[in-house]
Amino acid sequence: MMAERWEGARRLDEFAGSPAFAPVLDVVRQGVRDGVLRDGDPLEITLALTTPVLGLVQLRHGGRIELSEKDFRALCKRTVGRVLDGVAT
């Protein structure tokens, strides 16, 4: 999924322009401003929140996680919750 090199792929410094990443980054920036999330680089915090889910999706697509869609979504939600516990104030 993300392992293949692709010439047109966004690089880290371009992620803020991604239609999938930008909304999460905006929410994280607001959370840092509001003091709901610990102070830190919003890009790095957003990566911490999103990359575990990307990994789970890759595992599912690779046949290593065989759950119903409902159960898989619940796993993703719990995983993001655990990460949020680490960055919440």
Protein backbone atom coordinates (compact mmCIF):
# COMPACT_ATOMS: atom_id res chain seq x y z
CA MET A 1 0.00 0.00 0.00
CA MET A 2 2.57 2.57 1.08
CA ALA A 3 5.65 0.41 0.56
CA GLU A 4 5.87 0.79 -3.20
CA ARG A 5 7.83 3.81 -4.45
CA TRP A 6 5.72 6.07 -6.58
CA GLU A 7 7.12 9.15 -8.28
CA GLY A 8 4.02 11.29 -7.73
CA ALA A 9 3.56 10.37 -4.07
CA ARG A 10 3.46 13.15 -1.51
CA ARG A 11 6.47 13.47 0.75
CA LEU A 12 6.27 14.23 4.46
CA ASP A 13 6.58 17.98 3.99
CA GLU A 14 3.63 17.82 1.54
CA PHE A 15 1.22 15.79 3.70
CA ALA A 16 -0.64 18.92 4.84
CA GLY A 17 -2.05 19.15 1.30
CA SER A 18 -3.38 15.60 1.26
CA PRO A 19 -7.18 15.31 1.15
CA ALA A 20 -7.02 12.40 3.59
CA PHE A 21 -4.36 13.75 5.97
CA ALA A 22 -5.18 17.49 6.02
CA PRO A 23 -8.50 17.23 7.91
CA VAL A 24 -6.88 15.18 10.68
CA LEU A 25 -3.95 17.60 10.83
CA ASP A 26 -6.38 20.53 11.15
CA VAL A 27 -8.16 18.85 14.08
CA VAL A 28 -4.83 18.07 15.75
CA ARG A 29 -3.67 21.68 15.33
CA GLN A 30 -6.89 22.86 16.96
CA GLY A 31 -6.49 20.33 19.75
CA VAL A 32 -2.98 21.57 20.49
CA ARG A 33 -4.17 25.21 20.40
CA ASP A 34 -7.08 24.41 22.74
CA GLY A 35 -4.84 22.51 25.14
CA VAL A 36 -6.75 19.25 24.61
CA LEU A 37 -3.65 17.63 23.16
CA ARG A 38 -0.14 17.96 24.53
CA ASP A 39 2.02 20.63 23.02
CA GLY A 40 4.09 19.30 20.16
CA ASP A 41 4.53 19.29 16.42
CA PRO A 42 1.02 18.81 14.97
CA LEU A 43 2.43 16.96 11.95
CA GLU A 44 4.19 14.44 14.18
CA ILE A 45 1.13 14.02 16.39
CA THR A 46 -1.03 13.42 13.31
CA LEU A 47 1.47 10.83 12.07
CA ALA A 48 1.29 9.12 15.48
CA LEU A 49 -2.49 8.94 15.15
CA THR A 50 -2.72 7.84 11.52
CA THR A 51 0.17 5.44 10.96
CA PRO A 52 -1.13 2.70 13.29
CA VAL A 53 -4.35 2.58 11.27
CA LEU A 54 -2.39 2.46 8.01
CA GLY A 55 -0.49 -0.50 9.41
CA LEU A 56 -3.70 -2.25 10.42
CA VAL A 57 -5.15 -1.68 6.93
CA GLN A 58 -2.02 -3.13 5.35
CA LEU A 59 -2.24 -6.18 7.61
CA ARG A 60 -5.90 -6.64 6.74
CA HIS A 61 -5.26 -6.32 3.02
CA GLY A 62 -2.41 -8.81 3.38
CA GLY A 63 -4.79 -11.35 4.92
CA ARG A 64 -3.22 -11.22 8.37
CA ILE A 65 -6.23 -9.67 10.10
CA GLU A 66 -9.43 -11.49 9.25
CA LEU A 67 -12.21 -9.60 10.98
CA SER A 68 -15.61 -8.45 9.81
CA GLU A 69 -15.67 -4.83 8.68
CA LYS A 70 -17.51 -3.88 11.87
CA ASP A 71 -14.92 -5.60 14.08
CA PHE A 72 -12.03 -4.19 12.07
CA ARG A 73 -13.38 -0.66 12.40
CA ALA A 74 -13.75 -1.22 16.13
CA LEU A 75 -10.12 -2.37 16.32
CA CYS A 76 -9.02 0.78 14.47
CA LYS A 77 -11.09 2.96 16.82
CA ARG A 78 -9.59 1.30 19.91
CA THR A 79 -6.10 1.69 18.48
CA VAL A 80 -6.54 5.40 17.79
CA GLY A 81 -8.03 5.77 21.28
CA ARG A 82 -4.93 4.25 22.81
CA VAL A 83 -2.71 6.66 20.89
CA LEU A 84 -4.93 9.60 21.89
CA ASP A 85 -4.52 8.55 25.53
CA GLY A 86 -0.81 9.16 25.06
CA VAL A 87 -1.12 12.65 23.56
CA ALA A 88 -4.12 13.96 25.48
CA THR A 89 -3.57 16.36 28.35
